[in-house]
Amino acid sequence: MMTKLSVNINKIATIRNARGGNYPNLVQVAKDVQLFGAQGITIHPRPDERHIKYQDAYDLKEVVVTEYNIEGNPIPKFMDMVLQIKPTQVTLVPDGIDAITSNAGWDTIKHQYFLSEVISEFKRNGIRTSIFVDPSLDRVEGAFAVGADRIELYTEDFAKAYSSGNRNTIIPYAACAERANQLGLGVNAGHDLSLENIEFFAKNIPHLAEVSIGHALISEALYKGLQPTIAAYLSKLA
């Protein structure tokens, strides 16, 4: 099974917002990303709307014909939006209001009751749920206990270690993916994955259904172009 590529387009919104107006056009970029072969679009709106705006999430619903993944902390405003849009997948991320980017996975044991309630509401509405987790077997088992459909492995530690030549950091990720599969959970991954490390990661993580990549992909596209960059990722994931 080929791992699907979901392109996070937050950085396109960041560029647009820097000058106001609607250039680059986020909706058109989403159309192009899918045309170029990506199997999904990811967005991560935050309360201050510093990149993706809540209206963007509604606008994209009309043009995403692949998989639509909305990430975020399930505060009431976020939950209301997701329940109205009904994307393919919602990925729950425990980021703080002032976080520059996601920096940790859920403690699925400590927050078991809260996550169970949130996930039950999304699943009642036919939305696939994924929980952002660190590579810990306990957290994976906690994700199963709260009723999630998938986990998303938080890969920053892997990416940092890989860039310094340490390949052993992959071991807990592989173990967590295997345990998730045993429990019937799908396996996603994301954060700091790039053309440099994606092939090694994908080849060593069993049952990897989907990767969500934004910052690195958009940065690499500044040099290579968007279509060739997406093609390069798809080649490494094949």
Protein backbone atom coordinates (compact mmCIF):
# COMPACT_ATOMS: atom_id res chain seq x y z
CA MET A 1 0.00 0.00 0.00
CA MET A 2 1.42 3.35 -1.03
CA THR A 3 1.55 5.95 1.70
CA LYS A 4 -0.68 8.91 0.82
CA LEU A 5 0.71 12.44 0.70
CA SER A 6 -1.44 15.14 2.28
CA VAL A 7 -0.04 18.62 1.65
CA ASN A 8 -0.42 21.13 4.47
CA ILE A 9 -1.05 24.51 2.84
CA ASN A 10 -0.73 26.69 5.95
CA LYS A 11 2.41 28.34 4.59
CA ILE A 12 0.57 29.46 1.45
CA ALA A 13 -1.88 31.26 3.72
CA THR A 14 1.03 32.81 5.64
CA ILE A 15 2.40 34.33 2.44
CA ARG A 16 -1.03 35.57 1.41
CA ASN A 17 -1.70 37.15 4.78
CA ALA A 18 1.63 39.00 4.75
CA ARG A 19 0.27 41.43 2.14
CA GLY A 20 -3.47 41.09 2.57
CA GLY A 21 -5.69 40.41 -0.40
CA ASN A 22 -5.90 36.97 -1.94
CA TYR A 23 -2.54 36.32 -3.56
CA PRO A 24 -1.43 33.61 -3.66
CA ASN A 25 -4.93 32.21 -3.94
CA LEU A 26 -5.24 29.43 -1.37
CA VAL A 27 -8.15 27.73 -3.11
CA GLN A 28 -6.30 27.64 -6.42
CA VAL A 29 -3.21 26.22 -4.75
CA ALA A 30 -5.32 23.46 -3.22
CA LYS A 31 -6.71 22.63 -6.66
CA ASP A 32 -3.22 22.58 -8.15
CA VAL A 33 -1.75 20.45 -5.37
CA GLN A 34 -4.39 17.81 -6.06
CA LEU A 35 -3.89 18.12 -9.82
CA PHE A 36 -0.16 17.51 -9.28
CA GLY A 37 -0.91 14.20 -7.61
CA ALA A 38 -1.19 14.77 -3.85
CA GLN A 39 -3.85 12.57 -2.29
CA GLY A 40 -4.96 15.05 0.34
CA ILE A 41 -5.06 18.62 1.64
CA THR A 42 -4.32 19.46 5.27
CA ILE A 43 -4.97 22.73 7.07
CA HIS A 44 -4.38 23.71 10.68
CA PRO A 45 -6.39 26.80 11.60
CA ARG A 46 -5.44 28.42 14.89
CA PRO A 47 -7.56 30.75 17.03
CA ASP A 48 -5.64 33.88 15.98
CA GLU A 49 -6.02 32.93 12.27
CA ARG A 50 -2.40 33.92 11.66
CA HIS A 51 -2.28 31.71 8.57
CA ILE A 52 -5.34 29.62 7.75
CA LYS A 53 -8.51 31.59 8.42
CA TYR A 54 -11.68 29.85 9.49
CA GLN A 55 -13.34 31.04 6.29
CA ASP A 56 -10.60 29.26 4.32
CA ALA A 57 -11.74 25.98 5.84
CA TYR A 58 -15.25 26.52 4.48
CA ASP A 59 -13.99 27.70 1.08
CA LEU A 60 -11.74 24.65 0.68
CA LYS A 61 -14.62 22.26 1.32
CA GLU A 62 -15.89 23.08 -2.16
CA VAL A 63 -12.66 22.19 -3.96
CA VAL A 64 -10.98 19.38 -2.02
CA VAL A 65 -11.92 16.24 -3.95
CA THR A 66 -9.25 14.02 -2.38
CA GLU A 67 -8.94 13.72 1.43
CA TYR A 68 -9.62 16.81 3.50
CA ASN A 69 -7.80 16.81 6.85
CA ILE A 70 -8.40 19.59 9.37
CA GLU A 71 -5.98 19.71 12.31
CA GLY A 72 -6.34 21.62 15.54
CA ASN A 73 -7.03 21.83 19.22
CA PRO A 74 -10.71 20.96 19.78
CA ILE A 75 -11.80 24.22 21.38
CA PRO A 76 -15.52 24.98 20.88
CA LYS A 77 -15.01 27.21 17.82
CA PHE A 78 -12.87 24.56 16.14
CA MET A 79 -15.36 21.81 16.92
CA ASP A 80 -18.28 23.83 15.56
CA MET A 81 -16.39 24.45 12.31
CA VAL A 82 -15.42 20.81 11.84
CA LEU A 83 -18.94 19.60 12.54
CA GLN A 84 -20.31 21.99 9.92
CA ILE A 85 -17.72 21.15 7.25
CA LYS A 86 -17.49 17.40 7.93
CA PRO A 87 -14.01 16.84 6.43
CA THR A 88 -12.67 13.38 5.67
CA GLN A 89 -10.55 13.50 8.81
CA VAL A 90 -10.04 15.64 11.88
CA THR A 91 -6.64 15.43 13.59
CA LEU A 92 -6.65 16.50 17.23
CA VAL A 93 -3.53 18.45 18.23
CA PRO A 94 -2.95 19.81 21.75
CA ASP A 95 -1.25 23.05 20.72
CA GLY A 96 -1.49 26.12 22.90
CA ILE A 97 -2.98 29.37 21.64
CA ASP A 98 0.46 31.00 21.39
CA ALA A 99 2.35 28.00 19.99
CA ILE A 100 4.36 28.81 16.87
CA THR A 101 3.85 25.26 15.67
CA SER A 102 2.80 21.93 17.13
CA ASN A 103 5.34 20.84 19.74
CA ALA A 104 3.91 17.76 21.49
CA GLY A 105 1.41 14.98 21.19
CA TRP A 106 -1.56 14.31 23.44
CA ASP A 107 -1.26 12.63 26.80
CA THR A 108 -4.06 10.25 25.87
CA ILE A 109 -4.15 8.81 29.39
CA LYS A 110 -4.39 12.08 31.32
CA HIS A 111 -6.97 13.49 28.90
CA GLN A 112 -8.89 10.27 28.34
CA TYR A 113 -12.32 11.57 29.32
CA PHE A 114 -12.02 14.79 27.30
CA LEU A 115 -10.76 13.03 24.19
CA SER A 116 -13.42 10.35 24.44
CA GLU A 117 -16.16 13.00 24.49
CA VAL A 118 -14.70 14.93 21.56
CA ILE A 119 -14.10 11.85 19.44
CA SER A 120 -17.57 10.49 20.11
CA GLU A 121 -19.08 13.72 18.79
CA PHE A 122 -17.01 13.67 15.61
CA LYS A 123 -17.67 9.99 14.96
CA ARG A 124 -21.41 10.49 15.41
CA ASN A 125 -21.09 12.89 12.49
CA GLY A 126 -19.18 10.45 10.29
CA ILE A 127 -15.79 12.15 10.59
CA ARG A 128 -12.66 9.99 10.83
CA THR A 129 -10.61 10.95 13.88
CA SER A 130 -6.86 10.95 14.36
CA ILE A 131 -4.88 11.86 17.48
CA PHE A 132 -1.45 13.50 17.38
CA VAL A 133 0.81 11.44 19.67
CA ASP A 134 4.45 11.13 20.64
CA PRO A 135 6.08 7.75 19.83
CA SER A 136 5.03 6.08 23.08
CA LEU A 137 3.26 2.74 23.28
CA ASP A 138 1.20 3.98 26.23
CA ARG A 139 -0.04 6.98 24.24
CA VAL A 140 -0.92 4.75 21.28
CA GLU A 141 -2.88 2.41 23.54
CA GLY A 142 -4.54 5.47 25.07
CA ALA A 143 -5.61 6.61 21.60
CA PHE A 144 -7.27 3.25 21.08
CA ALA A 145 -8.99 3.50 24.47
CA VAL A 146 -10.60 6.85 23.62
CA GLY A 147 -12.01 5.55 20.35
CA ALA A 148 -9.76 7.18 17.75
CA ASP A 149 -9.63 5.78 14.23
CA ARG A 150 -5.99 6.69 13.67
CA ILE A 151 -2.91 8.13 15.31
CA GLU A 152 -0.58 10.70 13.82
CA LEU A 153 2.98 10.14 14.98
CA TYR A 154 4.71 13.40 15.90
CA THR A 155 7.98 13.14 14.00
CA GLU A 156 10.05 16.15 15.10
CA ASP A 157 12.41 14.05 17.24
CA PHE A 158 12.98 11.64 14.36
CA ALA A 159 13.70 14.48 11.93
CA LYS A 160 16.21 16.16 14.24
CA ALA A 161 18.02 12.90 14.93
CA TYR A 162 18.08 11.94 11.25
CA SER A 163 19.67 15.24 10.25
CA SER A 164 22.49 14.60 12.75
CA GLY A 165 23.08 11.08 11.43
CA ASN A 166 21.21 9.14 14.12
CA ARG A 167 18.94 6.53 12.52
CA ASN A 168 18.06 4.66 15.72
CA THR A 169 15.34 7.18 16.59
CA ILE A 170 13.15 5.38 14.07
CA ILE A 171 12.83 2.36 16.40
CA PRO A 172 10.11 3.66 18.76
CA TYR A 173 8.15 5.03 15.81
CA ALA A 174 8.16 1.64 14.11
CA ALA A 175 7.13 -0.07 17.34
CA CYS A 176 4.25 2.36 17.82
CA ALA A 177 3.07 1.88 14.25
CA GLU A 178 3.10 -1.88 14.70
CA ARG A 179 1.17 -1.65 17.97
CA ALA A 180 -1.37 0.72 16.41
CA ASN A 181 -1.97 -1.73 13.60
CA GLN A 182 -2.47 -4.56 16.11
CA LEU A 183 -5.14 -2.44 17.80
CA GLY A 184 -6.86 -1.65 14.51
CA LEU A 185 -5.69 1.97 14.39
CA GLY A 186 -4.56 3.58 11.16
CA VAL A 187 -1.12 5.21 11.17
CA ASN A 188 -0.40 8.75 9.99
CA ALA A 189 2.71 10.83 10.59
CA GLY A 190 3.84 14.41 10.33
CA HIS A 191 6.04 17.30 11.48
CA ASP A 192 9.44 18.17 9.99
CA LEU A 193 9.31 15.39 7.41
CA SER A 194 11.11 16.47 4.26
CA LEU A 195 12.60 15.21 1.00
CA GLU A 196 15.77 14.49 2.96
CA ASN A 197 14.20 12.05 5.41
CA ILE A 198 10.82 10.92 4.03
CA GLU A 199 12.03 7.90 2.10
CA PHE A 200 13.89 6.42 5.07
CA PHE A 201 10.94 7.09 7.36
CA ALA A 202 8.32 5.60 5.05
CA LYS A 203 10.36 2.48 4.34
CA ASN A 204 10.90 1.78 8.04
CA ILE A 205 7.43 2.50 9.42
CA PRO A 206 5.02 -0.39 8.87
CA HIS A 207 1.39 0.25 7.92
CA LEU A 208 1.99 3.96 7.22
CA ALA A 209 -1.23 5.23 5.67
CA GLU A 210 -0.58 8.95 5.30
CA VAL A 211 1.97 11.68 5.87
CA SER A 212 1.07 15.33 6.27
CA ILE A 213 3.82 17.68 5.09
CA GLY A 214 3.74 21.44 4.81
CA HIS A 215 6.65 23.62 5.91
CA ALA A 216 9.41 21.59 4.27
CA LEU A 217 7.44 20.89 1.10
CA ILE A 218 6.54 24.54 0.49
CA SER A 219 10.11 25.62 1.30
CA GLU A 220 11.54 23.04 -1.12
CA ALA A 221 9.06 24.16 -3.77
CA LEU A 222 10.61 27.65 -3.72
CA TYR A 223 13.61 26.10 -5.46
CA LYS A 224 12.15 23.13 -7.33
CA GLY A 225 8.64 24.33 -8.12
CA LEU A 226 5.46 22.95 -6.60
CA GLN A 227 4.68 20.26 -9.15
CA PRO A 228 8.20 18.75 -9.24
CA THR A 229 8.39 18.82 -5.44
CA ILE A 230 5.12 16.92 -5.06
CA ALA A 231 6.30 14.47 -7.71
CA ALA A 232 9.51 13.94 -5.76
CA TYR A 233 7.62 13.13 -2.57
CA LEU A 234 5.29 10.74 -4.37
CA SER A 235 8.30 8.96 -5.85
CA LYS A 236 9.90 8.53 -2.42
CA LEU A 237 6.62 7.26 -0.94
CA ALA A 238 5.97 4.74 -3.71
